[in-house]
Amino acid sequence: MEKTFIVRGSWSSIKNSVLDYCFTHFSDEDIWLVDTLQVFDPYYLSRLDSARTRRMLHAIKVCRPFTFYQLRDKLFSFIKLPLSERSTIIISSMDCFNDDVENEEEREVVANMMMRLLKLLQNKSGCRLIIGTSGSLKSSLRNVVR
């Protein structure tokens, strides 16, 4: 069974895919949403006022890193968690921080480091990874899927 999924597309299509996945799977899986796109809006969702929506909002865990370095630290913290094959880590976008790192070489180093962390995390826990991208980290993401 595949354990890494790449969601490629515009930020709005990634947002819709992430929210759909969370809503459909929150009762079966332990879901961690790393909301790098800042698209998860619990206030909007709570206005839907259904019991299932409220259960979803209580079930999923959300963090919002604002830089590559905060994302890296979050990935390190996941390695220490008791994740299982029933766990899913969703990273809404791996390439939304490209402007944070001005030096192209440093950007590639940081991206490759995070990809190695993702591979380590997946090998250690067997969890499912869902990673959003608009395409600018294509070569680095290919290394995770292998």
C-alpha atoms as a PDB file:
ATOM      1  CA  MET A   1       0.000   0.000   0.000  1.00  0.00           C
ATOM      2  CA  GLU A   2       1.285   3.458  -0.919  1.00  0.00           C
ATOM      3  CA  LYS A   3       2.200   5.633   2.034  1.00  0.00           C
ATOM      4  CA  THR A   4       3.169   8.937   0.412  1.00  0.00           C
ATOM      5  CA  PHE A   5       0.796  10.974  -1.702  1.00  0.00           C
ATOM      6  CA  ILE A   6       1.606  14.186  -3.522  1.00  0.00           C
ATOM      7  CA  VAL A   7      -1.283  16.587  -4.127  1.00  0.00           C
ATOM      8  CA  ARG A   8      -0.227  18.842  -6.981  1.00  0.00           C
ATOM      9  CA  GLY A   9      -2.237  21.844  -8.057  1.00  0.00           C
ATOM     10  CA  SER A  10      -3.267  25.357  -7.175  1.00  0.00           C
ATOM     11  CA  TRP A  11      -3.478  26.377  -3.538  1.00  0.00           C
ATOM     12  CA  SER A  12      -7.288  26.394  -3.677  1.00  0.00           C
ATOM     13  CA  SER A  13      -7.413  22.844  -5.068  1.00  0.00           C
ATOM     14  CA  ILE A  14      -4.922  21.687  -2.419  1.00  0.00           C
ATOM     15  CA  LYS A  15      -7.085  23.346   0.262  1.00  0.00           C
ATOM     16  CA  ASN A  16     -10.185  21.539  -0.972  1.00  0.00           C
ATOM     17  CA  SER A  17      -8.360  18.197  -1.128  1.00  0.00           C
ATOM     18  CA  VAL A  18      -6.965  18.619   2.392  1.00  0.00           C
ATOM     19  CA  LEU A  19     -10.320  19.573   3.902  1.00  0.00           C
ATOM     20  CA  ASP A  20     -12.107  16.752   2.073  1.00  0.00           C
ATOM     21  CA  TYR A  21      -9.563  14.220   3.326  1.00  0.00           C
ATOM     22  CA  CYS A  22      -9.818  15.477   6.923  1.00  0.00           C
ATOM     23  CA  PHE A  23     -13.598  15.415   6.853  1.00  0.00           C
ATOM     24  CA  THR A  24     -13.780  11.935   5.345  1.00  0.00           C
ATOM     25  CA  HIS A  25     -11.098  10.193   7.426  1.00  0.00           C
ATOM     26  CA  PHE A  26     -11.026  11.863  10.851  1.00  0.00           C
ATOM     27  CA  SER A  27     -12.967   9.063  12.550  1.00  0.00           C
ATOM     28  CA  ASP A  28     -10.750   6.277  11.131  1.00  0.00           C
ATOM     29  CA  GLU A  29      -7.317   7.839  11.498  1.00  0.00           C
ATOM     30  CA  ASP A  30      -5.167   9.987  13.717  1.00  0.00           C
ATOM     31  CA  ILE A  31      -4.778  13.122  11.529  1.00  0.00           C
ATOM     32  CA  TRP A  32      -2.095  15.765  11.989  1.00  0.00           C
ATOM     33  CA  LEU A  33      -2.570  18.786   9.715  1.00  0.00           C
ATOM     34  CA  VAL A  34       0.513  20.931   9.199  1.00  0.00           C
ATOM     35  CA  ASP A  35      -1.316  23.919   7.782  1.00  0.00           C
ATOM     36  CA  THR A  36       1.463  25.777   6.003  1.00  0.00           C
ATOM     37  CA  LEU A  37      -1.027  27.413   3.631  1.00  0.00           C
ATOM     38  CA  GLN A  38      -3.083  28.760   6.565  1.00  0.00           C
ATOM     39  CA  VAL A  39      -6.244  27.425   4.924  1.00  0.00           C
ATOM     40  CA  PHE A  40      -7.845  25.463   7.748  1.00  0.00           C
ATOM     41  CA  ASP A  41     -10.522  27.736   9.172  1.00  0.00           C
ATOM     42  CA  PRO A  42     -12.216  26.135  12.184  1.00  0.00           C
ATOM     43  CA  TYR A  43     -14.543  29.133  12.621  1.00  0.00           C
ATOM     44  CA  TYR A  44     -15.936  28.759   9.109  1.00  0.00           C
ATOM     45  CA  LEU A  45     -16.295  25.012   9.542  1.00  0.00           C
ATOM     46  CA  SER A  46     -17.995  25.371  12.923  1.00  0.00           C
ATOM     47  CA  ARG A  47     -20.697  27.478  11.263  1.00  0.00           C
ATOM     48  CA  LEU A  48     -21.704  24.426   9.255  1.00  0.00           C
ATOM     49  CA  ASP A  49     -23.178  23.318  12.591  1.00  0.00           C
ATOM     50  CA  SER A  50     -23.343  19.602  12.097  1.00  0.00           C
ATOM     51  CA  ALA A  51     -22.417  17.073  14.753  1.00  0.00           C
ATOM     52  CA  ARG A  52     -19.957  15.435  12.351  1.00  0.00           C
ATOM     53  CA  THR A  53     -18.181  18.753  11.721  1.00  0.00           C
ATOM     54  CA  ARG A  54     -17.824  19.371  15.470  1.00  0.00           C
ATOM     55  CA  ARG A  55     -16.401  15.859  15.968  1.00  0.00           C
ATOM     56  CA  MET A  56     -13.912  16.488  13.155  1.00  0.00           C
ATOM     57  CA  LEU A  57     -12.795  19.786  14.680  1.00  0.00           C
ATOM     58  CA  HIS A  58     -12.126  18.032  17.984  1.00  0.00           C
ATOM     59  CA  ALA A  59     -10.397  15.038  16.399  1.00  0.00           C
ATOM     60  CA  ILE A  60      -7.735  16.502  14.111  1.00  0.00           C
ATOM     61  CA  LYS A  61      -4.581  18.183  15.364  1.00  0.00           C
ATOM     62  CA  VAL A  62      -3.478  21.364  13.587  1.00  0.00           C
ATOM     63  CA  CYS A  63      -0.224  23.307  13.660  1.00  0.00           C
ATOM     64  CA  ARG A  64       0.699  26.336  11.579  1.00  0.00           C
ATOM     65  CA  PRO A  65       4.379  26.881  10.913  1.00  0.00           C
ATOM     66  CA  PHE A  66       5.168  30.221   9.287  1.00  0.00           C
ATOM     67  CA  THR A  67       8.717  29.516   8.049  1.00  0.00           C
ATOM     68  CA  PHE A  68      10.773  26.656   6.626  1.00  0.00           C
ATOM     69  CA  TYR A  69      12.605  26.449   9.937  1.00  0.00           C
ATOM     70  CA  GLN A  70       9.417  26.130  12.005  1.00  0.00           C
ATOM     71  CA  LEU A  71       8.265  23.417   9.608  1.00  0.00           C
ATOM     72  CA  ARG A  72      11.572  21.608  10.056  1.00  0.00           C
ATOM     73  CA  ASP A  73      11.205  21.790  13.849  1.00  0.00           C
ATOM     74  CA  LYS A  74       7.671  20.414  13.619  1.00  0.00           C
ATOM     75  CA  LEU A  75       8.843  17.495  11.506  1.00  0.00           C
ATOM     76  CA  PHE A  76      11.532  16.759  14.108  1.00  0.00           C
ATOM     77  CA  SER A  77       8.865  16.737  16.824  1.00  0.00           C
ATOM     78  CA  PHE A  78       6.774  14.207  14.851  1.00  0.00           C
ATOM     79  CA  ILE A  79       9.662  11.740  15.005  1.00  0.00           C
ATOM     80  CA  LYS A  80       9.258  11.628  18.803  1.00  0.00           C
ATOM     81  CA  LEU A  81       5.494  10.994  18.680  1.00  0.00           C
ATOM     82  CA  PRO A  82       4.030   7.484  18.886  1.00  0.00           C
ATOM     83  CA  LEU A  83       2.633   7.489  15.351  1.00  0.00           C
ATOM     84  CA  SER A  84       1.258   4.340  13.767  1.00  0.00           C
ATOM     85  CA  GLU A  85       0.105   3.118  10.383  1.00  0.00           C
ATOM     86  CA  ARG A  86      -3.292   4.611  11.221  1.00  0.00           C
ATOM     87  CA  SER A  87      -1.712   8.062  11.504  1.00  0.00           C
ATOM     88  CA  THR A  88      -1.724  10.566   8.673  1.00  0.00           C
ATOM     89  CA  ILE A  89       0.403  13.686   8.457  1.00  0.00           C
ATOM     90  CA  ILE A  90      -0.866  16.228   5.947  1.00  0.00           C
ATOM     91  CA  ILE A  91       1.407  19.086   4.929  1.00  0.00           C
ATOM     92  CA  SER A  92      -0.740  21.493   2.968  1.00  0.00           C
ATOM     93  CA  SER A  93       2.220  22.857   0.993  1.00  0.00           C
ATOM     94  CA  MET A  94       5.939  22.208   0.970  1.00  0.00           C
ATOM     95  CA  ASP A  95       6.747  25.069  -1.379  1.00  0.00           C
ATOM     96  CA  CYS A  96       4.852  27.996   0.119  1.00  0.00           C
ATOM     97  CA  PHE A  97       7.952  29.231   1.999  1.00  0.00           C
ATOM     98  CA  ASN A  98      10.164  29.671  -1.044  1.00  0.00           C
ATOM     99  CA  ASP A  99      10.325  33.437  -0.557  1.00  0.00           C
ATOM    100  CA  ASP A 100      11.573  33.017   3.046  1.00  0.00           C
ATOM    101  CA  VAL A 101      14.930  31.711   1.869  1.00  0.00           C
ATOM    102  CA  GLU A 102      16.486  34.099  -0.630  1.00  0.00           C
ATOM    103  CA  ASN A 103      19.604  32.102  -1.450  1.00  0.00           C
ATOM    104  CA  GLU A 104      18.733  29.411  -4.013  1.00  0.00           C
ATOM    105  CA  GLU A 105      21.400  26.998  -2.715  1.00  0.00           C
ATOM    106  CA  GLU A 106      20.188  27.360   0.870  1.00  0.00           C
ATOM    107  CA  ARG A 107      16.596  26.805  -0.269  1.00  0.00           C
ATOM    108  CA  GLU A 108      17.562  23.522  -1.924  1.00  0.00           C
ATOM    109  CA  VAL A 109      19.561  22.416   1.148  1.00  0.00           C
ATOM    110  CA  VAL A 110      16.638  23.160   3.482  1.00  0.00           C
ATOM    111  CA  ALA A 111      14.163  21.420   1.145  1.00  0.00           C
ATOM    112  CA  ASN A 112      16.340  18.313   0.882  1.00  0.00           C
ATOM    113  CA  MET A 113      16.794  18.238   4.658  1.00  0.00           C
ATOM    114  CA  MET A 114      13.030  18.308   5.143  1.00  0.00           C
ATOM    115  CA  MET A 115      12.554  15.576   2.567  1.00  0.00           C
ATOM    116  CA  ARG A 116      15.058  13.391   4.450  1.00  0.00           C
ATOM    117  CA  LEU A 117      13.131  14.094   7.652  1.00  0.00           C
ATOM    118  CA  LEU A 118       9.883  13.050   5.976  1.00  0.00           C
ATOM    119  CA  LYS A 119      11.449   9.812   4.775  1.00  0.00           C
ATOM    120  CA  LEU A 120      12.851   9.109   8.242  1.00  0.00           C
ATOM    121  CA  LEU A 121       9.486   9.835   9.818  1.00  0.00           C
ATOM    122  CA  GLN A 122       7.680   7.537   7.434  1.00  0.00           C
ATOM    123  CA  ASN A 123      10.220   4.722   7.830  1.00  0.00           C
ATOM    124  CA  LYS A 124      10.085   4.972  11.637  1.00  0.00           C
ATOM    125  CA  SER A 125       6.325   5.079  12.074  1.00  0.00           C
ATOM    126  CA  GLY A 126       4.814   3.686   8.884  1.00  0.00           C
ATOM    127  CA  CYS A 127       2.413   6.634   8.852  1.00  0.00           C
ATOM    128  CA  ARG A 128       0.789   8.014   5.714  1.00  0.00           C
ATOM    129  CA  LEU A 129       2.092  11.319   4.320  1.00  0.00           C
ATOM    130  CA  ILE A 130       0.066  13.678   2.166  1.00  0.00           C
ATOM    131  CA  ILE A 131       2.086  16.574   0.782  1.00  0.00           C
ATOM    132  CA  GLY A 132       0.728  19.497  -1.204  1.00  0.00           C
ATOM    133  CA  THR A 133       2.799  21.297  -3.825  1.00  0.00           C
ATOM    134  CA  SER A 134       2.293  23.692  -6.676  1.00  0.00           C
ATOM    135  CA  GLY A 135       5.252  22.062  -8.396  1.00  0.00           C
ATOM    136  CA  SER A 136       8.344  24.080  -7.480  1.00  0.00           C
ATOM    137  CA  LEU A 137       9.833  21.344  -5.257  1.00  0.00           C
ATOM    138  CA  LYS A 138       9.210  18.584  -7.767  1.00  0.00           C
ATOM    139  CA  SER A 139      12.708  17.050  -7.710  1.00  0.00           C
ATOM    140  CA  SER A 140      12.908  16.983  -3.914  1.00  0.00           C
ATOM    141  CA  LEU A 141       9.457  15.423  -3.588  1.00  0.00           C
ATOM    142  CA  ARG A 142      10.403  12.694  -6.040  1.00  0.00           C
ATOM    143  CA  ASN A 143      13.091  11.600  -3.563  1.00  0.00           C
ATOM    144  CA  VAL A 144      10.492  11.093  -0.810  1.00  0.00           C
ATOM    145  CA  VAL A 145       8.214   8.989  -2.976  1.00  0.00           C
ATOM    146  CA  ARG A 146      11.018   6.573  -3.928  1.00  0.00           C
END
